[in-house]
Amino acid sequence: MKPVDRSDECGRGKDDEVVAPDSSGSASALTDFDWAVRSRIYETFAATGSAPVIPEIAAFVGSTEFQVRSALQRLYGAHEIALLPNGDGVWMANPFSGVPTDYVVETAEMTCYAPCAWDAMGVPALLETDGWIRTRCAGTGEPLEFGIEGGALKGDDGVIHLSTPIRDAWIDIGFT
């Protein structure tokens, strides 16, 4: 792996190529174009709470849908995003989910879904805002509410149980 100049606010060097493992375990380079697609995904989630669709990404970055699909595949291989099962869009860009889940996150600006409780708390942290999460206990079905207010955790008592070690998360990211 090549060292990366982490000089910009996203933690990526502006002129550097980042080497990341792909799904086959070999290395592939993520290009500036790939990072632009990734940035647009996160910008859209942050603004709307929803995943952008491929034609919207292509129009924004000034490319073809084919080029965007190729970038999405590389981003998936680098574990930057997860694709819908049919590969035709963004399923997850942690902490956001592009499909409805049991973790509804509300901020003053938008409502979105998160893949899990851990990611649900990550939404307000990433957006640097207060946020409220509504879900249900997986074991009992009991409604739970918690959130981040003024940088502090508030709401129902509970424990977040991570059943998969984080090092194994990408083996089955949908389950994790």
C-alpha atoms as a PDB file:
ATOM      1  CA  MET A   1       0.000   0.000   0.000  1.00  0.00           C
ATOM      2  CA  LYS A   2       1.165   3.488  -0.868  1.00  0.00           C
ATOM      3  CA  PRO A   3       1.166   6.155   1.880  1.00  0.00           C
ATOM      4  CA  VAL A   4      -1.454   8.860   1.403  1.00  0.00           C
ATOM      5  CA  ASP A   5      -1.126  12.589   2.045  1.00  0.00           C
ATOM      6  CA  ARG A   6      -4.143  13.210   4.277  1.00  0.00           C
ATOM      7  CA  SER A   7      -4.185  16.951   3.729  1.00  0.00           C
ATOM      8  CA  ASP A   8      -7.805  17.721   2.872  1.00  0.00           C
ATOM      9  CA  GLU A   9     -10.897  17.702   5.065  1.00  0.00           C
ATOM     10  CA  CYS A  10     -11.982  14.279   3.794  1.00  0.00           C
ATOM     11  CA  GLY A  11      -8.694  12.677   4.811  1.00  0.00           C
ATOM     12  CA  ARG A  12      -7.555  12.206   1.217  1.00  0.00           C
ATOM     13  CA  GLY A  13      -4.636  13.848  -0.528  1.00  0.00           C
ATOM     14  CA  LYS A  14      -5.951  15.849  -3.470  1.00  0.00           C
ATOM     15  CA  ASP A  15      -3.440  14.533  -5.989  1.00  0.00           C
ATOM     16  CA  ASP A  16      -2.808  11.094  -4.559  1.00  0.00           C
ATOM     17  CA  GLU A  17      -4.091   7.799  -5.761  1.00  0.00           C
ATOM     18  CA  VAL A  18      -5.287   5.634  -2.889  1.00  0.00           C
ATOM     19  CA  VAL A  19      -4.594   1.917  -3.045  1.00  0.00           C
ATOM     20  CA  ALA A  20      -7.322  -0.177  -1.505  1.00  0.00           C
ATOM     21  CA  PRO A  21      -8.144  -3.878  -1.519  1.00  0.00           C
ATOM     22  CA  ASP A  22     -10.888  -4.979  -3.880  1.00  0.00           C
ATOM     23  CA  SER A  23     -13.349  -7.786  -3.207  1.00  0.00           C
ATOM     24  CA  SER A  24     -10.968 -10.369  -4.647  1.00  0.00           C
ATOM     25  CA  GLY A  25      -8.240  -9.341  -2.189  1.00  0.00           C
ATOM     26  CA  SER A  26      -5.967  -7.782  -4.822  1.00  0.00           C
ATOM     27  CA  ALA A  27      -5.175  -4.071  -4.878  1.00  0.00           C
ATOM     28  CA  SER A  28      -6.826  -1.553  -7.173  1.00  0.00           C
ATOM     29  CA  ALA A  29      -6.359   2.190  -7.368  1.00  0.00           C
ATOM     30  CA  LEU A  30      -9.201   4.537  -6.553  1.00  0.00           C
ATOM     31  CA  THR A  31      -9.059   7.539  -8.850  1.00  0.00           C
ATOM     32  CA  ASP A  32     -10.011  11.158  -8.338  1.00  0.00           C
ATOM     33  CA  PHE A  33     -13.172  10.319 -10.293  1.00  0.00           C
ATOM     34  CA  ASP A  34     -14.022   7.517  -7.829  1.00  0.00           C
ATOM     35  CA  TRP A  35     -13.569   9.927  -4.917  1.00  0.00           C
ATOM     36  CA  ALA A  36     -15.780  12.497  -6.677  1.00  0.00           C
ATOM     37  CA  VAL A  37     -18.522   9.867  -7.032  1.00  0.00           C
ATOM     38  CA  ARG A  38     -18.097   8.906  -3.363  1.00  0.00           C
ATOM     39  CA  SER A  39     -18.271  12.558  -2.315  1.00  0.00           C
ATOM     40  CA  ARG A  40     -21.483  13.052  -4.287  1.00  0.00           C
ATOM     41  CA  ILE A  41     -23.019  10.003  -2.605  1.00  0.00           C
ATOM     42  CA  TYR A  42     -22.262  11.392   0.856  1.00  0.00           C
ATOM     43  CA  GLU A  43     -23.320  14.942  -0.074  1.00  0.00           C
ATOM     44  CA  THR A  44     -26.683  13.632  -1.275  1.00  0.00           C
ATOM     45  CA  PHE A  45     -27.238  11.473   1.804  1.00  0.00           C
ATOM     46  CA  ALA A  46     -26.311  14.399   4.089  1.00  0.00           C
ATOM     47  CA  ALA A  47     -28.642  16.815   2.302  1.00  0.00           C
ATOM     48  CA  THR A  48     -31.635  14.575   1.630  1.00  0.00           C
ATOM     49  CA  GLY A  49     -31.315  11.422   3.741  1.00  0.00           C
ATOM     50  CA  SER A  50     -31.543   9.326   0.572  1.00  0.00           C
ATOM     51  CA  ALA A  51     -29.067   7.677  -1.758  1.00  0.00           C
ATOM     52  CA  PRO A  52     -28.553   9.342  -5.127  1.00  0.00           C
ATOM     53  CA  VAL A  53     -29.463   7.353  -8.220  1.00  0.00           C
ATOM     54  CA  ILE A  54     -26.886   6.635 -10.888  1.00  0.00           C
ATOM     55  CA  PRO A  55     -28.216   9.144 -13.474  1.00  0.00           C
ATOM     56  CA  GLU A  56     -28.089  11.930 -10.855  1.00  0.00           C
ATOM     57  CA  ILE A  57     -24.491  11.087  -9.960  1.00  0.00           C
ATOM     58  CA  ALA A  58     -23.507  10.957 -13.642  1.00  0.00           C
ATOM     59  CA  ALA A  59     -25.086  14.347 -14.341  1.00  0.00           C
ATOM     60  CA  PHE A  60     -23.435  15.934 -11.312  1.00  0.00           C
ATOM     61  CA  VAL A  61     -19.922  14.633 -12.036  1.00  0.00           C
ATOM     62  CA  GLY A  62     -20.295  15.125 -15.811  1.00  0.00           C
ATOM     63  CA  SER A  63     -19.862  11.529 -16.872  1.00  0.00           C
ATOM     64  CA  THR A  64     -21.751   8.577 -18.262  1.00  0.00           C
ATOM     65  CA  GLU A  65     -23.797   6.125 -16.239  1.00  0.00           C
ATOM     66  CA  PHE A  66     -21.361   3.402 -17.305  1.00  0.00           C
ATOM     67  CA  GLN A  67     -18.457   5.350 -15.784  1.00  0.00           C
ATOM     68  CA  VAL A  68     -20.409   5.851 -12.549  1.00  0.00           C
ATOM     69  CA  ARG A  69     -21.288   2.136 -12.370  1.00  0.00           C
ATOM     70  CA  SER A  70     -17.598   1.287 -12.813  1.00  0.00           C
ATOM     71  CA  ALA A  71     -16.662   3.736 -10.042  1.00  0.00           C
ATOM     72  CA  LEU A  72     -19.326   2.226  -7.755  1.00  0.00           C
ATOM     73  CA  GLN A  73     -17.818  -1.222  -8.322  1.00  0.00           C
ATOM     74  CA  ARG A  74     -14.350   0.065  -7.405  1.00  0.00           C
ATOM     75  CA  LEU A  75     -15.725   1.850  -4.314  1.00  0.00           C
ATOM     76  CA  TYR A  76     -17.477  -1.353  -3.277  1.00  0.00           C
ATOM     77  CA  GLY A  77     -14.269  -3.330  -3.768  1.00  0.00           C
ATOM     78  CA  ALA A  78     -12.472  -0.829  -1.534  1.00  0.00           C
ATOM     79  CA  HIS A  79     -15.202  -1.157   1.152  1.00  0.00           C
ATOM     80  CA  GLU A  80     -16.158   2.501   0.765  1.00  0.00           C
ATOM     81  CA  ILE A  81     -19.814   1.722  -0.030  1.00  0.00           C
ATOM     82  CA  ALA A  82     -22.095  -1.303  -0.362  1.00  0.00           C
ATOM     83  CA  LEU A  83     -24.132  -1.836  -3.502  1.00  0.00           C
ATOM     84  CA  LEU A  84     -27.745  -2.911  -3.811  1.00  0.00           C
ATOM     85  CA  PRO A  85     -27.996  -6.681  -4.332  1.00  0.00           C
ATOM     86  CA  ASN A  86     -28.586  -6.142  -8.071  1.00  0.00           C
ATOM     87  CA  GLY A  87     -25.520  -3.834  -8.197  1.00  0.00           C
ATOM     88  CA  ASP A  88     -27.590  -0.988  -9.616  1.00  0.00           C
ATOM     89  CA  GLY A  89     -27.236   1.608  -6.874  1.00  0.00           C
ATOM     90  CA  VAL A  90     -26.017   2.452  -3.405  1.00  0.00           C
ATOM     91  CA  TRP A  91     -27.278   0.257  -0.578  1.00  0.00           C
ATOM     92  CA  MET A  92     -25.058   1.672   2.175  1.00  0.00           C
ATOM     93  CA  ALA A  93     -22.531   4.433   2.574  1.00  0.00           C
ATOM     94  CA  ASN A  94     -21.964   4.089   6.283  1.00  0.00           C
ATOM     95  CA  PRO A  95     -23.481   5.474   8.412  1.00  0.00           C
ATOM     96  CA  PHE A  96     -26.328   5.899   5.874  1.00  0.00           C
ATOM     97  CA  SER A  97     -28.601   3.254   4.376  1.00  0.00           C
ATOM     98  CA  GLY A  98     -30.156   3.737   0.956  1.00  0.00           C
ATOM     99  CA  VAL A  99     -33.036   1.406   1.841  1.00  0.00           C
ATOM    100  CA  PRO A 100     -35.470   1.483   4.770  1.00  0.00           C
ATOM    101  CA  THR A 101     -34.224  -0.176   7.957  1.00  0.00           C
ATOM    102  CA  ASP A 102     -35.323  -0.456  11.586  1.00  0.00           C
ATOM    103  CA  TYR A 103     -33.072   2.519  12.464  1.00  0.00           C
ATOM    104  CA  VAL A 104     -34.756   5.826  11.621  1.00  0.00           C
ATOM    105  CA  VAL A 105     -32.561   8.858  12.282  1.00  0.00           C
ATOM    106  CA  GLU A 106     -34.056  12.350  12.450  1.00  0.00           C
ATOM    107  CA  THR A 107     -32.088  15.584  12.467  1.00  0.00           C
ATOM    108  CA  ALA A 108     -33.416  19.122  12.183  1.00  0.00           C
ATOM    109  CA  GLU A 109     -32.602  19.037   8.450  1.00  0.00           C
ATOM    110  CA  MET A 110     -33.642  15.558   7.320  1.00  0.00           C
ATOM    111  CA  THR A 111     -34.686  12.005   8.135  1.00  0.00           C
ATOM    112  CA  CYS A 112     -32.708   8.992   6.991  1.00  0.00           C
ATOM    113  CA  TYR A 113     -32.122   5.307   7.695  1.00  0.00           C
ATOM    114  CA  ALA A 114     -29.018   3.729   9.180  1.00  0.00           C
ATOM    115  CA  PRO A 115     -27.932   0.096   8.814  1.00  0.00           C
ATOM    116  CA  CYS A 116     -27.591  -0.464  12.579  1.00  0.00           C
ATOM    117  CA  ALA A 117     -27.630   1.267  15.976  1.00  0.00           C
ATOM    118  CA  TRP A 118     -23.924   2.027  15.799  1.00  0.00           C
ATOM    119  CA  ASP A 119     -24.290   3.723  12.408  1.00  0.00           C
ATOM    120  CA  ALA A 120     -27.472   5.479  13.570  1.00  0.00           C
ATOM    121  CA  MET A 121     -25.408   7.327  16.181  1.00  0.00           C
ATOM    122  CA  GLY A 122     -22.828   8.018  13.490  1.00  0.00           C
ATOM    123  CA  VAL A 123     -25.259  10.079  11.408  1.00  0.00           C
ATOM    124  CA  PRO A 124     -25.497  13.025  13.831  1.00  0.00           C
ATOM    125  CA  ALA A 125     -21.784  12.689  14.582  1.00  0.00           C
ATOM    126  CA  LEU A 126     -20.876  12.876  10.887  1.00  0.00           C
ATOM    127  CA  LEU A 127     -23.247  15.775  10.283  1.00  0.00           C
ATOM    128  CA  GLU A 128     -22.131  17.536  13.487  1.00  0.00           C
ATOM    129  CA  THR A 129     -25.715  18.013  14.633  1.00  0.00           C
ATOM    130  CA  ASP A 130     -28.208  16.647  17.112  1.00  0.00           C
ATOM    131  CA  GLY A 131     -30.133  13.590  16.019  1.00  0.00           C
ATOM    132  CA  TRP A 132     -32.794  11.237  17.343  1.00  0.00           C
ATOM    133  CA  ILE A 133     -33.016   7.515  16.600  1.00  0.00           C
ATOM    134  CA  ARG A 134     -36.164   5.393  16.730  1.00  0.00           C
ATOM    135  CA  THR A 135     -35.913   1.612  16.555  1.00  0.00           C
ATOM    136  CA  ARG A 136     -37.011  -1.584  18.284  1.00  0.00           C
ATOM    137  CA  CYS A 137     -35.155  -4.021  20.491  1.00  0.00           C
ATOM    138  CA  ALA A 138     -34.210  -6.983  18.295  1.00  0.00           C
ATOM    139  CA  GLY A 139     -34.884  -9.400  21.144  1.00  0.00           C
ATOM    140  CA  THR A 140     -38.228  -8.129  22.480  1.00  0.00           C
ATOM    141  CA  GLY A 141     -39.615  -5.802  19.817  1.00  0.00           C
ATOM    142  CA  GLU A 142     -39.907  -3.061  22.439  1.00  0.00           C
ATOM    143  CA  PRO A 143     -39.668   0.459  20.959  1.00  0.00           C
ATOM    144  CA  LEU A 144     -36.405   2.258  21.748  1.00  0.00           C
ATOM    145  CA  GLU A 145     -35.455   5.905  21.336  1.00  0.00           C
ATOM    146  CA  PHE A 146     -32.070   7.469  21.832  1.00  0.00           C
ATOM    147  CA  GLY A 147     -30.016  10.192  20.298  1.00  0.00           C
ATOM    148  CA  ILE A 148     -27.297  12.749  20.425  1.00  0.00           C
ATOM    149  CA  GLU A 149     -28.143  16.135  21.943  1.00  0.00           C
ATOM    150  CA  GLY A 150     -25.428  18.709  22.463  1.00  0.00           C
ATOM    151  CA  GLY A 151     -22.801  16.021  21.892  1.00  0.00           C
ATOM    152  CA  ALA A 152     -24.179  13.750  24.632  1.00  0.00           C
ATOM    153  CA  LEU A 153     -26.020  10.450  24.370  1.00  0.00           C
ATOM    154  CA  LYS A 154     -29.637  10.732  25.590  1.00  0.00           C
ATOM    155  CA  GLY A 155     -32.704   8.522  25.702  1.00  0.00           C
ATOM    156  CA  ASP A 156     -33.572   4.941  26.578  1.00  0.00           C
ATOM    157  CA  ASP A 157     -31.084   2.780  28.399  1.00  0.00           C
ATOM    158  CA  GLY A 158     -29.712  -0.088  26.403  1.00  0.00           C
ATOM    159  CA  VAL A 159     -26.720  -1.875  25.054  1.00  0.00           C
ATOM    160  CA  ILE A 160     -25.568  -2.065  21.462  1.00  0.00           C
ATOM    161  CA  HIS A 161     -24.461  -5.620  20.808  1.00  0.00           C
ATOM    162  CA  LEU A 162     -22.094  -6.080  17.869  1.00  0.00           C
ATOM    163  CA  SER A 163     -22.391  -9.794  17.142  1.00  0.00           C
ATOM    164  CA  THR A 164     -19.793  -9.735  14.367  1.00  0.00           C
ATOM    165  CA  PRO A 165     -16.232  -8.618  15.130  1.00  0.00           C
ATOM    166  CA  ILE A 166     -15.661  -5.421  13.165  1.00  0.00           C
ATOM    167  CA  ARG A 167     -12.688  -7.008  11.388  1.00  0.00           C
ATOM    168  CA  ASP A 168     -15.196  -9.425   9.790  1.00  0.00           C
ATOM    169  CA  ALA A 169     -17.891  -6.858   8.945  1.00  0.00           C
ATOM    170  CA  TRP A 170     -17.366  -6.953   5.175  1.00  0.00           C
ATOM    171  CA  ILE A 171     -17.748 -10.726   4.989  1.00  0.00           C
ATOM    172  CA  ASP A 172     -21.508 -10.074   5.108  1.00  0.00           C
ATOM    173  CA  ILE A 173     -22.005  -6.321   5.495  1.00  0.00           C
ATOM    174  CA  GLY A 174     -25.788  -6.644   5.264  1.00  0.00           C
ATOM    175  CA  PHE A 175     -25.884  -8.899   8.309  1.00  0.00           C
ATOM    176  CA  THR A 176     -23.286  -6.983  10.269  1.00  0.00           C
END
